[in-house]
C-alpha atoms as a PDB file:
ATOM      1  CA  MET A   1      50.235  -9.408 -62.538  1.00  0.00           C
ATOM      2  CA  SER A   2      47.825  -6.859 -61.277  1.00  0.00           C
ATOM      3  CA  GLU A   3      44.900  -8.099 -63.374  1.00  0.00           C
ATOM      4  CA  LYS A   4      43.383 -11.468 -62.690  1.00  0.00           C
ATOM      5  CA  THR A   5      42.696 -13.640 -65.644  1.00  0.00           C
ATOM      6  CA  VAL A   6      39.779 -15.930 -66.218  1.00  0.00           C
ATOM      7  CA  ARG A   7      40.408 -18.619 -68.784  1.00  0.00           C
ATOM      8  CA  GLY A   8      43.229 -16.662 -70.295  1.00  0.00           C
ATOM      9  CA  ARG A   9      41.335 -13.369 -70.668  1.00  0.00           C
ATOM     10  CA  PRO A  10      41.795 -10.276 -68.536  1.00  0.00           C
ATOM     11  CA  ARG A  11      38.944  -9.482 -66.191  1.00  0.00           C
ATOM     12  CA  ARG A  12      36.612  -6.726 -67.331  1.00  0.00           C
ATOM     13  CA  ARG A  13      36.633  -3.638 -65.236  1.00  0.00           C
ATOM     14  CA  ALA A  14      33.391  -2.575 -63.631  1.00  0.00           C
ATOM     15  CA  ALA A  15      31.950   0.502 -65.240  1.00  0.00           C
ATOM     16  CA  THR A  16      31.858   3.243 -62.658  1.00  0.00           C
ATOM     17  CA  GLY A  17      31.755   6.319 -64.875  1.00  0.00           C
ATOM     18  CA  PRO A  18      28.647   8.495 -65.080  1.00  0.00           C
ATOM     19  CA  ASP A  19      28.392   8.027 -68.828  1.00  0.00           C
ATOM     20  CA  GLN A  20      28.345   4.237 -68.804  1.00  0.00           C
ATOM     21  CA  GLY A  21      25.629   3.299 -71.270  1.00  0.00           C
ATOM     22  CA  SER A  22      24.619   6.918 -71.709  1.00  0.00           C
ATOM     23  CA  HIS A  23      25.414   6.871 -75.412  1.00  0.00           C
ATOM     24  CA  ARG A  24      22.835   4.132 -75.858  1.00  0.00           C
ATOM     25  CA  ARG A  25      20.251   6.026 -73.788  1.00  0.00           C
ATOM     26  CA  ALA A  26      21.002   9.266 -75.628  1.00  0.00           C
ATOM     27  CA  GLY A  27      20.458   7.561 -78.967  1.00  0.00           C
ATOM     28  CA  THR A  28      17.164   6.109 -77.788  1.00  0.00           C
ATOM     29  CA  ALA A  29      16.035   9.459 -76.386  1.00  0.00           C
ATOM     30  CA  ALA A  30      16.901  11.186 -79.647  1.00  0.00           C
ATOM     31  CA  LEU A  31      14.915   8.604 -81.580  1.00  0.00           C
ATOM     32  CA  VAL A  32      11.917   9.053 -79.278  1.00  0.00           C
ATOM     33  CA  ARG A  33      12.104  12.840 -79.695  1.00  0.00           C
ATOM     34  CA  LEU A  34      12.318  12.472 -83.471  1.00  0.00           C
ATOM     35  CA  LEU A  35       9.323  10.139 -83.570  1.00  0.00           C
ATOM     36  CA  ALA A  36       7.340  12.496 -81.325  1.00  0.00           C
ATOM     37  CA  ALA A  37       8.178  15.438 -83.585  1.00  0.00           C
ATOM     38  CA  VAL A  38       7.090  13.495 -86.664  1.00  0.00           C
ATOM     39  CA  ALA A  39       3.847  12.565 -84.883  1.00  0.00           C
ATOM     40  CA  VAL A  40       3.162  16.205 -83.953  1.00  0.00           C
ATOM     41  CA  ILE A  41       3.878  17.466 -87.463  1.00  0.00           C
ATOM     42  CA  THR A  42       1.729  14.742 -89.015  1.00  0.00           C
ATOM     43  CA  THR A  43      -1.134  15.567 -86.655  1.00  0.00           C
ATOM     44  CA  VAL A  44      -0.934  19.263 -87.498  1.00  0.00           C
ATOM     45  CA  ILE A  45      -0.870  18.563 -91.232  1.00  0.00           C
ATOM     46  CA  LEU A  46      -3.838  16.186 -90.954  1.00  0.00           C
ATOM     47  CA  ALA A  47      -5.820  18.680 -88.885  1.00  0.00           C
ATOM     48  CA  ALA A  48      -5.109  21.510 -91.328  1.00  0.00           C
ATOM     49  CA  SER A  49      -6.060  19.294 -94.268  1.00  0.00           C
ATOM     50  CA  ALA A  50      -9.314  18.317 -92.575  1.00  0.00           C
ATOM     51  CA  VAL A  51     -10.174  21.957 -91.928  1.00  0.00           C
ATOM     52  CA  PHE A  52      -9.544  22.919 -95.533  1.00  0.00           C
ATOM     53  CA  LEU A  53     -11.223  19.873 -97.061  1.00  0.00           C
ATOM     54  CA  LEU A  54     -14.238  19.736 -94.766  1.00  0.00           C
ATOM     55  CA  GLY A  55     -14.733  23.488 -94.647  1.00  0.00           C
ATOM     56  CA  ASP A  56     -17.876  25.417 -95.444  1.00  0.00           C
ATOM     57  CA  GLY A  57     -17.652  25.109 -99.214  1.00  0.00           C
ATOM     58  CA  SER A  58     -19.937  28.102 -99.761  1.00  0.00           C
ATOM     59  CA  ALA A  59     -17.107  30.104-101.327  1.00  0.00           C
ATOM     60  CA  ALA A  60     -16.097  27.254-103.621  1.00  0.00           C
ATOM     61  CA  HIS A  61     -18.260  28.373-106.537  1.00  0.00           C
ATOM     62  CA  ALA A  62     -17.049  30.633-109.312  1.00  0.00           C
ATOM     63  CA  ALA A  63     -18.670  33.958-109.957  1.00  0.00           C
ATOM     64  CA  GLN A  64     -20.904  34.250-112.987  1.00  0.00           C
ATOM     65  CA  PRO A  65     -19.483  36.343-115.840  1.00  0.00           C
ATOM     66  CA  GLY A  66     -20.543  39.939-115.467  1.00  0.00           C
ATOM     67  CA  ALA A  67     -21.598  39.507-111.836  1.00  0.00           C
ATOM     68  CA  VAL A  68     -20.687  42.187-109.351  1.00  0.00           C
ATOM     69  CA  LEU A  69     -18.641  40.775-106.503  1.00  0.00           C
ATOM     70  CA  ALA A  70     -19.808  43.091-103.741  1.00  0.00           C
ATOM     71  CA  ALA A  71     -21.326  42.420-100.353  1.00  0.00           C
ATOM     72  CA  ASP A  72     -25.095  42.768-100.181  1.00  0.00           C
ATOM     73  CA  SER A  73     -25.146  44.305 -96.724  1.00  0.00           C
ATOM     74  CA  ILE A  74     -22.994  45.330 -93.811  1.00  0.00           C
ATOM     75  CA  GLN A  75     -24.049  42.080 -92.125  1.00  0.00           C
ATOM     76  CA  ALA A  76     -22.376  40.076 -94.907  1.00  0.00           C
ATOM     77  CA  VAL A  77     -19.176  42.087 -94.466  1.00  0.00           C
ATOM     78  CA  VAL A  78     -19.243  41.529 -90.691  1.00  0.00           C
ATOM     79  CA  ASN A  79     -19.763  37.783 -91.167  1.00  0.00           C
ATOM     80  CA  ASN A  80     -16.844  37.622 -93.611  1.00  0.00           C
ATOM     81  CA  ILE A  81     -14.597  39.537 -91.221  1.00  0.00           C
ATOM     82  CA  ARG A  82     -15.632  37.242 -88.372  1.00  0.00           C
ATOM     83  CA  THR A  83     -14.869  34.130 -90.411  1.00  0.00           C
ATOM     84  CA  TRP A  84     -11.447  35.379 -91.522  1.00  0.00           C
ATOM     85  CA  LEU A  85     -10.558  36.584 -88.043  1.00  0.00           C
ATOM     86  CA  VAL A  86     -11.367  33.244 -86.424  1.00  0.00           C
ATOM     87  CA  ALA A  87      -9.447  31.327 -89.111  1.00  0.00           C
ATOM     88  CA  ILE A  88      -6.327  33.499 -88.879  1.00  0.00           C
ATOM     89  CA  LEU A  89      -6.282  33.516 -85.068  1.00  0.00           C
ATOM     90  CA  ALA A  90      -6.757  29.743 -84.883  1.00  0.00           C
ATOM     91  CA  ALA A  91      -3.991  29.149 -87.440  1.00  0.00           C
ATOM     92  CA  VAL A  92      -1.511  31.384 -85.606  1.00  0.00           C
ATOM     93  CA  ALA A  93      -2.452  29.846 -82.244  1.00  0.00           C
ATOM     94  CA  THR A  94      -1.910  26.360 -83.684  1.00  0.00           C
ATOM     95  CA  LEU A  95       1.491  27.441 -84.965  1.00  0.00           C
ATOM     96  CA  PHE A  96       2.455  28.736 -81.515  1.00  0.00           C
ATOM     97  CA  LEU A  97       1.117  25.565 -79.891  1.00  0.00           C
ATOM     98  CA  THR A  98       3.291  23.459 -82.177  1.00  0.00           C
ATOM     99  CA  ILE A  99       6.383  25.598 -81.640  1.00  0.00           C
ATOM    100  CA  GLY A 100       5.879  25.639 -77.864  1.00  0.00           C
ATOM    101  CA  GLY A 101       5.401  21.898 -77.709  1.00  0.00           C
ATOM    102  CA  LEU A 102       8.488  21.250 -79.795  1.00  0.00           C
ATOM    103  CA  ARG A 103      10.573  23.645 -77.694  1.00  0.00           C
ATOM    104  CA  LEU A 104       9.461  21.968 -74.484  1.00  0.00           C
ATOM    105  CA  MET A 105      10.111  18.547 -75.949  1.00  0.00           C
ATOM    106  CA  TRP A 106      13.589  19.476 -77.154  1.00  0.00           C
ATOM    107  CA  ALA A 107      14.555  21.510 -74.070  1.00  0.00           C
ATOM    108  CA  ASN A 108      16.326  18.461 -72.635  1.00  0.00           C
ATOM    109  CA  GLY A 109      16.671  20.011 -69.197  1.00  0.00           C
ATOM    110  CA  ASP A 110      17.666  23.500 -70.394  1.00  0.00           C
ATOM    111  CA  PRO A 111      15.597  25.897 -68.258  1.00  0.00           C
ATOM    112  CA  GLY A 112      15.880  28.796 -70.715  1.00  0.00           C
ATOM    113  CA  GLU A 113      14.555  26.755 -73.606  1.00  0.00           C
ATOM    114  CA  ALA A 114      11.800  25.315 -71.414  1.00  0.00           C
ATOM    115  CA  GLU A 115      10.710  28.844 -70.455  1.00  0.00           C
ATOM    116  CA  LYS A 116      10.571  29.820 -74.139  1.00  0.00           C
ATOM    117  CA  GLY A 117       8.390  26.774 -74.795  1.00  0.00           C
ATOM    118  CA  LYS A 118       6.072  27.664 -71.916  1.00  0.00           C
ATOM    119  CA  ALA A 119       5.806  31.250 -73.187  1.00  0.00           C
ATOM    120  CA  ALA A 120       4.852  29.978 -76.647  1.00  0.00           C
ATOM    121  CA  LEU A 121       2.193  27.725 -75.105  1.00  0.00           C
ATOM    122  CA  LYS A 122       0.796  30.710 -73.177  1.00  0.00           C
ATOM    123  CA  SER A 123       0.681  32.682 -76.433  1.00  0.00           C
ATOM    124  CA  ALA A 124      -1.183  29.809 -78.063  1.00  0.00           C
ATOM    125  CA  ALA A 125      -3.729  29.784 -75.233  1.00  0.00           C
ATOM    126  CA  ILE A 126      -4.268  33.527 -75.640  1.00  0.00           C
ATOM    127  CA  GLY A 127      -4.659  33.073 -79.400  1.00  0.00           C
ATOM    128  CA  TYR A 128      -7.268  30.340 -78.972  1.00  0.00           C
ATOM    129  CA  ALA A 129      -9.133  32.492 -76.427  1.00  0.00           C
ATOM    130  CA  LEU A 130      -9.175  35.399 -78.882  1.00  0.00           C
ATOM    131  CA  ALA A 131     -10.330  33.098 -81.671  1.00  0.00           C
ATOM    132  CA  LEU A 132     -13.221  31.934 -79.493  1.00  0.00           C
ATOM    133  CA  LEU A 133     -14.101  35.482 -78.453  1.00  0.00           C
ATOM    134  CA  SER A 134     -13.672  37.132 -81.854  1.00  0.00           C
ATOM    135  CA  PRO A 135     -17.304  36.535 -82.973  1.00  0.00           C
ATOM    136  CA  LEU A 136     -18.455  38.320 -79.817  1.00  0.00           C
ATOM    137  CA  ILE A 137     -15.988  41.159 -80.358  1.00  0.00           C
ATOM    138  CA  VAL A 138     -17.022  41.615 -83.992  1.00  0.00           C
ATOM    139  CA  THR A 139     -20.720  41.581 -83.018  1.00  0.00           C
ATOM    140  CA  VAL A 140     -20.116  44.263 -80.389  1.00  0.00           C
ATOM    141  CA  VAL A 141     -18.203  46.426 -82.877  1.00  0.00           C
ATOM    142  CA  ALA A 142     -20.929  45.899 -85.495  1.00  0.00           C
ATOM    143  CA  GLY A 143     -23.489  47.079 -82.915  1.00  0.00           C
ATOM    144  CA  TRP A 144     -21.497  50.289 -82.478  1.00  0.00           C
ATOM    145  CA  VAL A 145     -21.410  50.890 -86.231  1.00  0.00           C
ATOM    146  CA  LYS A 146     -25.184  50.610 -86.675  1.00  0.00           C
END
């Protein structure tokens, strides 16, 4: 008998393989990643809802029948362009921030995927910088037009 017995049962072999217990850790890691992704998506949805619900509200009224829907001055057009530009740039930057964060989170040690995530985060930073600078840029261009 090569195996020793203890109370009639064969002795358990010591686990020496590299994947001993790794299936349990992998399942836990996958659950943590899933919960983190749900948290990120929920945060983004809540932030977007807050922006839309707590927005300016000045454009929420309906036009009177027979009213002309034209801008009163070039300043009104510039302000509208500035508002739309900031909103679009911030939305796209938030999208890139979310994608970059998810890619980094799900990279799981893959250097190529981690680099793609870092590139998306850099794009998000550039988008936020442009969103912050767009009122200045529009004001400068409006000064040229005058």
